[in-house]
């Protein structure tokens, strides 16, 4: 029985691995190779490529056979270890494989060389919208899909408005993915805000920053709207431009009165009475036109029903034609009214945008000298004198 098993095993080994027969392997080594190769094949089928690679490598150590070498190449390729796979393929060519296997090695070598000439760059960039340049050429804006690049050194440049630029050299490895994360830091400037009276609330672009006085606030460079509010005083809106070169300051004197922006000539669009009038007329016209169109469509359906009914003789062909023409006239009128309503709506939007019909607020004339009143008692009058002389003077 022992000799039968040895004969079958020998036939399998020397049939499956003809090159091994030329190397005159020992029977014990041949058994080990068969066992290792079978276990490696099972591990490969299960997706355990590391285990399969280890078993095939042990088998190849016992017998250097190009078929085992090709199996090692497949394991290395599955593990994305392309450079090692290329080296193993070149080694397999030197192991004198048969013609078919040699052609497979040559095809695999060509594929691996192409794969190793390219790599993948995967960039994760915050904030989105940043412009990405590689080697001086803009390739898009973040977020980007993984970019295929030639293997080797490259220079990437990331830029975003009001953010510090990032320039960095990278090395792309062939057949591998380079994953990098960048966060661009906003470029800020300094802004100080003071008010009279102090303690006023300060909002910049709608965000609260505290109460005055505020010193050396770090805010992104660019144009910003600053609103200063204090109970019992008119709020003030100011537009400031912040740059990184110099610190900016804003100082305002609040005026007592109703709350609201103090900009002279501000005319809210909601006060445009022509705009509201045209809006109402446009809506009314649209509803009227829609009703007429619905009625005309219903009339059309009714005429069609009567014309197609075989047992209906209530209306003649002439009556049906007259009714059809009547509904067609209603339809034309409906479309005309709807179109006119649309034009009125567009015109109302224009009136709202241009604030037609809004009376501008009267600005306080700051150039006119203020008049103050002072009541001074006559020098000859007693202290308790009930009547006094009133003097008026103009304050400088």
Protein backbone atom coordinates (compact mmCIF):
# COMPACT_ATOMS: atom_id res chain seq x y z
CA UNK A 1 0.00 0.00 0.00
CA UNK A 2 2.86 2.32 0.85
CA UNK A 3 4.40 1.83 -2.57
CA UNK A 4 1.09 2.51 -4.30
CA UNK A 5 0.69 5.83 -2.49
CA UNK A 6 4.29 6.73 -3.35
CA UNK A 7 3.67 5.87 -7.01
CA UNK A 8 0.46 7.98 -7.18
CA UNK A 9 2.12 10.87 -5.39
CA UNK A 10 5.08 10.70 -7.68
CA UNK A 11 2.85 10.73 -10.77
CA UNK A 12 1.00 13.75 -9.42
CA UNK A 13 4.17 15.63 -8.54
CA UNK A 14 5.98 14.96 -11.76
CA UNK A 15 2.84 15.47 -13.81
CA UNK A 16 1.85 18.71 -12.10
CA UNK A 17 5.40 19.97 -11.75
CA UNK A 18 7.39 18.69 -14.72
CA UNK A 19 10.32 20.94 -13.90
CA UNK A 20 10.63 19.27 -10.52
CA UNK A 21 11.34 15.97 -12.26
CA UNK A 22 14.35 17.60 -13.88
CA UNK A 23 15.58 18.71 -10.45
CA UNK A 24 15.24 15.14 -9.12
CA UNK A 25 13.45 16.15 -5.85
CA UNK A 26 13.34 13.71 -3.01
CA UNK A 27 10.15 11.89 -2.31
CA UNK A 28 9.85 13.46 1.15
CA UNK A 29 10.25 17.00 -0.21
CA UNK A 30 7.76 16.28 -2.95
CA UNK A 31 5.17 15.19 -0.38
CA UNK A 32 5.75 18.36 1.60
CA UNK A 33 5.36 20.52 -1.51
CA UNK A 34 2.07 18.87 -2.40
CA UNK A 35 0.75 19.34 1.15
CA UNK A 36 1.91 22.96 1.38
CA UNK A 37 0.53 23.81 -2.08
CA UNK A 38 -2.85 22.26 -1.31
CA UNK A 39 -3.13 24.19 1.96
CA UNK A 40 -2.03 27.40 0.21
CA UNK A 41 -4.67 26.96 -2.49
CA UNK A 42 -7.39 26.60 0.17
CA UNK A 43 -6.15 29.74 1.99
CA UNK A 44 -6.05 31.69 -1.29
CA UNK A 45 -9.63 30.71 -2.13
CA UNK A 46 -10.72 31.94 1.32
CA UNK A 47 -9.04 35.31 0.71
CA UNK A 48 -6.26 34.73 3.26
CA UNK A 49 -3.53 35.85 0.90
CA UNK A 50 -0.88 36.30 3.60
CA UNK A 51 -1.22 32.69 4.73
CA UNK A 52 -1.26 31.44 1.15
CA UNK A 53 1.89 33.44 0.39
CA UNK A 54 3.69 31.94 3.38
CA UNK A 55 2.78 28.38 2.43
CA UNK A 56 3.72 28.84 -1.24
CA UNK A 57 7.01 30.41 -0.17
CA UNK A 58 7.81 27.37 2.00
CA UNK A 59 6.99 25.08 -0.89
CA UNK A 60 9.21 27.10 -3.24
CA UNK A 61 12.07 26.88 -0.76
CA UNK A 62 11.89 23.11 -0.99
CA UNK A 63 11.51 23.01 -4.79
CA UNK A 64 12.10 26.05 -7.00
CA UNK A 65 9.31 25.47 -9.49
CA UNK A 66 7.95 28.22 -11.79
CA UNK A 67 4.34 27.13 -11.17
CA UNK A 68 4.80 27.74 -7.47
CA UNK A 69 6.50 31.03 -8.32
CA UNK A 70 3.49 32.11 -10.37
CA UNK A 71 1.22 31.29 -7.43
CA UNK A 72 3.45 33.49 -5.25
CA UNK A 73 3.08 36.31 -7.81
CA UNK A 74 -0.70 36.07 -7.63
CA UNK A 75 -0.62 36.26 -3.82
CA UNK A 76 1.64 39.32 -3.89
CA UNK A 77 -0.57 40.99 -6.48
CA UNK A 78 -3.67 40.35 -4.36
CA UNK A 79 -1.85 41.97 -1.44
CA UNK A 80 -0.97 44.96 -3.69
CA UNK A 81 2.73 44.33 -3.18
CA UNK A 82 3.36 44.99 -6.84
CA UNK A 83 7.10 45.57 -6.71
CA UNK A 84 7.69 42.23 -4.98
CA UNK A 85 5.32 40.60 -7.47
CA UNK A 86 7.41 42.01 -10.34
CA UNK A 87 10.61 40.65 -8.82
CA UNK A 88 9.00 37.23 -8.35
CA UNK A 89 7.77 37.26 -11.98
CA UNK A 90 11.26 38.02 -13.27
CA UNK A 91 12.59 35.20 -11.10
CA UNK A 92 9.99 32.85 -12.57
CA UNK A 93 11.21 33.61 -16.11
CA UNK A 94 14.70 32.44 -15.07
CA UNK A 95 13.32 29.13 -13.76
CA UNK A 96 12.83 27.84 -17.33
CA UNK A 97 9.03 27.60 -17.35
CA UNK A 98 7.16 25.92 -20.23
CA UNK A 99 6.10 28.14 -23.12
CA UNK A 100 2.55 28.73 -21.91
CA UNK A 101 3.65 29.67 -18.40
CA UNK A 102 6.46 31.81 -19.76
CA UNK A 103 3.93 33.81 -21.79
CA UNK A 104 1.85 34.32 -18.64
CA UNK A 105 4.93 35.55 -16.77
CA UNK A 106 5.72 38.01 -19.57
CA UNK A 107 2.14 39.33 -19.58
CA UNK A 108 2.23 39.69 -15.80
CA UNK A 109 5.55 41.56 -15.95
CA UNK A 110 4.17 44.04 -18.48
CA UNK A 111 1.07 44.61 -16.34
CA UNK A 112 3.07 45.09 -13.14
CA UNK A 113 5.45 47.56 -14.78
CA UNK A 114 2.49 49.64 -15.97
CA UNK A 115 0.92 49.48 -12.52
CA UNK A 116 4.15 50.54 -10.84
CA UNK A 117 4.48 53.55 -13.14
CA UNK A 118 1.31 55.08 -11.65
CA UNK A 119 0.08 55.83 -8.16
CA UNK A 120 -3.05 57.34 -6.63
CA UNK A 121 -3.33 60.54 -4.59
CA UNK A 122 -6.35 60.79 -2.30
CA UNK A 123 -6.74 64.27 -0.78
CA UNK A 124 -9.12 65.10 2.07
CA UNK A 125 -9.29 68.91 2.29
CA UNK A 126 -11.18 71.25 4.59
CA UNK A 127 -12.89 73.61 3.88
CA UNK A 128 -14.49 72.42 0.67
CA UNK A 129 -14.07 74.60 -2.38
CA UNK A 130 -10.29 74.86 -2.01
CA UNK A 131 -8.42 75.02 -5.32
CA UNK A 132 -5.95 72.16 -5.85
CA UNK A 133 -2.91 72.55 -8.10
CA UNK A 134 -0.35 69.82 -8.83
CA UNK A 135 2.98 70.79 -10.36
CA UNK A 136 1.58 74.24 -11.14
CA UNK A 137 -1.54 72.98 -12.93
CA UNK A 138 -5.03 73.37 -11.44
CA UNK A 139 -6.71 69.95 -11.23
CA UNK A 140 -9.98 70.98 -9.56
CA UNK A 141 -11.58 72.06 -6.29
CA UNK A 142 -12.15 70.06 -3.12
CA UNK A 143 -13.66 67.58 -2.64
CA UNK A 144 -11.79 65.61 -5.32
CA UNK A 145 -11.89 61.99 -6.38
CA UNK A 146 -8.61 60.04 -6.04
CA UNK A 147 -6.16 61.33 -8.65
CA UNK A 148 -3.95 59.01 -10.71
CA UNK A 149 -0.37 60.35 -10.83
CA UNK A 150 2.95 59.22 -12.21
CA UNK A 151 5.14 57.63 -9.60
CA UNK A 152 7.71 60.03 -8.18
CA UNK A 153 7.98 63.50 -6.69
CA UNK A 154 5.21 66.10 -7.11
CA UNK A 155 4.35 69.49 -5.64
CA UNK A 156 0.79 70.21 -4.52
CA UNK A 157 -0.64 73.66 -3.78
CA UNK A 158 -3.91 74.29 -1.93
CA UNK A 159 -5.57 77.71 -1.84
CA UNK A 160 -8.87 79.13 -0.64
CA UNK A 161 -10.08 82.74 -0.30
CA UNK A 162 -9.15 84.28 3.05
CA UNK A 163 -7.14 81.18 4.03
CA UNK A 164 -3.42 80.54 4.26
CA UNK A 165 -2.03 78.74 1.22
CA UNK A 166 -0.45 75.29 1.63
CA UNK A 167 2.44 74.18 -0.60
CA UNK A 168 3.96 70.75 -0.03
CA UNK A 169 6.07 68.20 -1.84
CA UNK A 170 4.83 64.60 -2.01
CA UNK A 171 6.22 61.28 -3.21
CA UNK A 172 3.78 59.02 -5.06
CA UNK A 173 4.66 55.33 -4.93
CA UNK A 174 3.73 53.29 -7.98
CA UNK A 175 0.85 50.91 -7.46
CA UNK A 176 -0.03 52.48 -4.09
CA UNK A 177 -2.48 55.07 -2.81
CA UNK A 178 -1.18 58.12 -0.96
CA UNK A 179 -3.87 59.43 1.38
CA UNK A 180 -3.37 62.93 2.83
CA UNK A 181 -5.54 65.24 4.95
CA UNK A 182 -5.20 69.04 4.96
CA UNK A 183 -7.00 71.80 6.86
CA UNK A 184 -6.48 75.32 5.56
CA UNK A 185 -6.29 77.89 8.32
CA UNK A 186 -8.23 81.16 7.87
CA UNK A 187 -6.16 84.32 7.58
CA UNK A 188 -7.36 86.80 10.20
CA UNK A 189 -6.96 90.48 10.92
CA UNK A 190 -7.55 92.58 14.03
CA UNK A 191 -10.55 94.79 14.71
CA UNK A 192 -11.28 96.91 17.79
CA UNK A 193 -14.77 98.29 18.45
CA UNK A 194 -15.68 101.03 20.94
CA UNK A 195 -18.89 102.96 21.49
CA UNK A 196 -20.37 105.80 23.49
CA UNK A 197 -22.00 104.73 25.73
CA UNK A 198 -19.93 101.59 26.28
CA UNK A 199 -21.50 98.21 26.92
CA UNK A 200 -23.23 98.07 23.53
CA UNK A 201 -23.79 94.69 21.88
CA UNK A 202 -21.61 94.02 18.83
CA UNK A 203 -22.57 91.69 16.01
CA UNK A 204 -20.30 90.98 13.05
CA UNK A 205 -21.98 89.40 10.05
CA UNK A 206 -24.87 88.40 12.29
CA UNK A 207 -22.71 86.73 14.94
CA UNK A 208 -22.47 88.15 18.46
CA UNK A 209 -18.96 89.06 19.64
CA UNK A 210 -19.72 90.61 23.02
CA UNK A 211 -20.05 94.14 24.36
CA UNK A 212 -17.96 97.23 23.78
CA UNK A 213 -15.16 97.97 24.27
CA UNK A 214 -13.72 95.06 22.27
CA UNK A 215 -10.00 95.05 21.60
CA UNK A 216 -8.08 93.23 18.87
CA UNK A 217 -10.77 90.83 17.70
CA UNK A 218 -9.37 88.22 15.32
CA UNK A 219 -11.73 87.96 12.37
CA UNK A 220 -11.22 86.69 8.82
CA UNK A 221 -9.84 89.20 6.37
CA UNK A 222 -12.28 90.81 3.95
CA UNK A 223 -15.40 92.95 4.18
CA UNK A 224 -17.72 92.59 7.17
CA UNK A 225 -20.89 94.27 8.45
CA UNK A 226 -20.69 95.41 12.07
CA UNK A 227 -23.88 96.20 13.97
CA UNK A 228 -23.77 97.98 17.33
CA UNK A 229 -26.88 98.00 19.51
CA UNK A 230 -27.72 99.49 22.89
CA UNK A 231 -31.14 99.59 24.60
CA UNK A 232 -32.84 102.95 24.11
CA UNK A 233 -30.42 104.01 21.39
CA UNK A 234 -30.51 103.78 17.64
CA UNK A 235 -28.49 100.83 16.36
CA UNK A 236 -25.62 101.52 13.99
CA UNK A 237 -24.49 99.48 10.99
CA UNK A 238 -21.01 99.94 9.62
CA UNK A 239 -19.09 98.09 6.91
CA UNK A 240 -15.42 97.52 7.64
CA UNK A 241 -12.66 95.96 5.58
CA UNK A 242 -10.15 93.88 7.53
CA UNK A 243 -6.69 93.16 6.17
CA UNK A 244 -3.78 91.23 7.67
CA UNK A 245 -1.39 94.16 7.23
CA UNK A 246 -2.83 96.52 9.85
CA UNK A 247 -5.26 96.52 12.74
CA UNK A 248 -8.61 98.24 12.16
CA UNK A 249 -10.68 100.17 14.70
CA UNK A 250 -14.30 101.31 14.75
CA UNK A 251 -15.65 103.91 17.18
CA UNK A 252 -19.27 105.12 17.14
CA UNK A 253 -21.40 107.51 19.15
CA UNK A 254 -24.89 106.15 19.64
CA UNK A 255 -27.89 108.47 19.48
CA UNK A 256 -30.84 108.11 21.80
CA UNK A 257 -34.07 107.20 20.09
CA UNK A 258 -35.97 104.30 18.59
CA UNK A 259 -33.99 101.22 17.75
CA UNK A 260 -33.02 100.67 14.14
CA UNK A 261 -30.12 101.37 11.80
CA UNK A 262 -29.08 105.00 11.57
CA UNK A 263 -27.96 104.92 7.95
CA UNK A 264 -29.43 107.95 6.24
CA UNK A 265 -31.70 107.29 3.30
CA UNK A 266 -32.42 103.62 4.08
CA UNK A 267 -35.71 102.65 2.43
CA UNK A 268 -37.03 99.18 3.36
CA UNK A 269 -38.57 97.42 0.37
CA UNK A 270 -41.60 96.37 2.41
CA UNK A 271 -42.78 99.97 2.38
CA UNK A 272 -43.07 100.12 -1.43
CA UNK A 273 -46.83 100.59 -1.89
CA UNK A 274 -46.63 100.38 -5.73
CA UNK A 275 -44.90 97.02 -5.36
CA UNK A 276 -47.62 95.65 -3.09
CA UNK A 277 -50.34 97.02 -5.40
CA UNK A 278 -48.83 95.36 -8.47
CA UNK A 279 -48.30 92.15 -6.51
CA UNK A 280 -51.98 92.04 -5.51
CA UNK A 281 -53.13 92.77 -9.06
CA UNK A 282 -50.78 90.13 -10.47
CA UNK A 283 -52.05 87.47 -8.06
CA UNK A 284 -55.68 88.40 -8.80
CA UNK A 285 -55.05 88.25 -12.55
CA UNK A 286 -53.33 84.89 -12.21
CA UNK A 287 -56.24 83.42 -10.24
CA UNK A 288 -58.81 84.83 -12.69
CA UNK A 289 -56.91 83.50 -15.69
CA UNK A 290 -56.56 80.09 -14.06
CA UNK A 291 -60.31 79.94 -13.41
CA UNK A 292 -61.06 80.81 -17.06
CA UNK A 293 -58.60 78.19 -18.33
CA UNK A 294 -60.09 75.56 -16.06
CA UNK A 295 -63.59 76.43 -17.29
CA UNK A 296 -62.50 76.32 -20.92
CA UNK A 297 -60.84 72.95 -20.45
CA UNK A 298 -63.96 71.58 -18.78
CA UNK A 299 -66.06 72.93 -21.68
CA UNK A 300 -63.78 71.25 -24.21
CA UNK A 301 -64.21 67.93 -22.44
CA UNK A 302 -67.98 68.36 -22.38
CA UNK A 303 -68.15 69.07 -26.13
CA UNK A 304 -65.94 66.06 -26.85
CA UNK A 305 -68.17 63.83 -24.75
CA UNK A 306 -71.34 64.98 -26.52
CA UNK A 307 -69.74 64.67 -29.95
CA UNK A 308 -68.54 61.09 -29.30
CA UNK A 309 -71.76 59.84 -27.73
CA UNK A 310 -73.59 57.72 -30.40
CA UNK A 311 -77.04 58.07 -28.81
CA UNK A 312 -76.87 61.82 -28.20
CA UNK A 313 -78.92 64.01 -30.54
CA UNK A 314 -79.51 66.96 -28.20
CA UNK A 315 -77.06 69.26 -29.99
CA UNK A 316 -76.45 69.65 -33.67
CA UNK A 317 -73.04 69.80 -35.28
CA UNK A 318 -73.38 73.57 -35.59
CA UNK A 319 -74.22 73.94 -31.88
CA UNK A 320 -71.24 71.83 -30.93
CA UNK A 321 -68.99 73.95 -33.16
CA UNK A 322 -70.30 77.17 -31.63
CA UNK A 323 -69.74 75.88 -28.10
CA UNK A 324 -66.23 74.76 -29.02
CA UNK A 325 -65.41 78.22 -30.43
CA UNK A 326 -66.88 79.84 -27.30
CA UNK A 327 -64.63 77.81 -25.03
CA UNK A 328 -61.64 78.51 -27.30
CA UNK A 329 -62.30 82.23 -26.85
CA UNK A 330 -62.42 81.76 -23.06
CA UNK A 331 -59.12 79.91 -23.25
CA UNK A 332 -57.44 82.74 -25.19
CA UNK A 333 -58.73 85.29 -22.68
CA UNK A 334 -57.48 83.12 -19.80
CA UNK A 335 -54.00 82.84 -21.25
CA UNK A 336 -53.95 86.60 -21.84
CA UNK A 337 -54.97 87.36 -18.25
CA UNK A 338 -52.41 84.89 -16.86
CA UNK A 339 -49.69 86.50 -18.98
CA UNK A 340 -50.69 89.96 -17.80
CA UNK A 341 -50.62 88.73 -14.20
CA UNK A 342 -47.12 87.37 -14.68
CA UNK A 343 -45.99 90.71 -16.06
CA UNK A 344 -47.47 92.51 -13.04
CA UNK A 345 -45.64 90.14 -10.69
CA UNK A 346 -42.34 90.79 -12.45
CA UNK A 347 -42.97 94.52 -12.29
CA UNK A 348 -43.77 94.30 -8.58
CA UNK A 349 -40.45 92.54 -7.96
CA UNK A 350 -38.68 95.35 -9.81
CA UNK A 351 -40.50 97.95 -7.71
CA UNK A 352 -39.58 96.12 -4.51
CA UNK A 353 -35.95 95.84 -5.60
CA UNK A 354 -35.69 99.51 -6.53
CA UNK A 355 -37.92 100.57 -3.58
CA UNK A 356 -40.16 102.69 -5.76
CA UNK A 357 -42.71 104.59 -3.71
CA UNK A 358 -40.77 104.39 -0.44
CA UNK A 359 -40.27 107.77 1.14
CA UNK A 360 -36.69 108.19 2.35
CA UNK A 361 -36.20 108.82 6.03
CA UNK A 362 -35.23 112.32 6.91
CA UNK A 363 -31.63 112.59 7.90
CA UNK A 364 -30.67 114.64 10.85
CA UNK A 365 -28.85 117.82 9.74
CA UNK A 366 -25.69 117.59 11.76
CA UNK A 367 -24.33 120.82 10.22
CA UNK A 368 -27.05 122.98 11.78
CA UNK A 369 -25.92 124.44 15.11
CA UNK A 370 -27.80 123.13 18.09
CA UNK A 371 -29.79 125.64 20.14
CA UNK A 372 -29.80 125.32 23.89
CA UNK A 373 -31.93 127.22 26.37
CA UNK A 374 -30.85 128.58 29.72
CA UNK A 375 -33.01 130.36 32.28
CA UNK A 376 -31.13 133.00 34.30
CA UNK A 377 -32.75 135.10 37.08
CA UNK A 378 -32.57 138.91 36.88
CA UNK A 379 -29.66 140.21 39.00
CA UNK A 380 -31.93 142.65 40.91
CA UNK A 381 -34.66 140.14 41.57
CA UNK A 382 -35.03 138.53 45.00
CA UNK A 383 -34.12 134.93 45.39
CA UNK A 384 -37.75 133.82 45.61
CA UNK A 385 -38.91 135.96 42.70
CA UNK A 386 -41.56 134.13 40.73
CA UNK A 387 -40.85 135.74 37.37
CA UNK A 388 -37.49 135.50 35.61
CA UNK A 389 -35.91 136.80 32.52
CA UNK A 390 -35.18 134.04 29.96
CA UNK A 391 -32.11 134.47 27.83
CA UNK A 392 -31.48 132.42 24.67
CA UNK A 393 -28.07 131.83 23.21
CA UNK A 394 -26.63 129.67 20.51
CA UNK A 395 -24.13 127.11 21.59
CA UNK A 396 -20.93 127.16 19.62
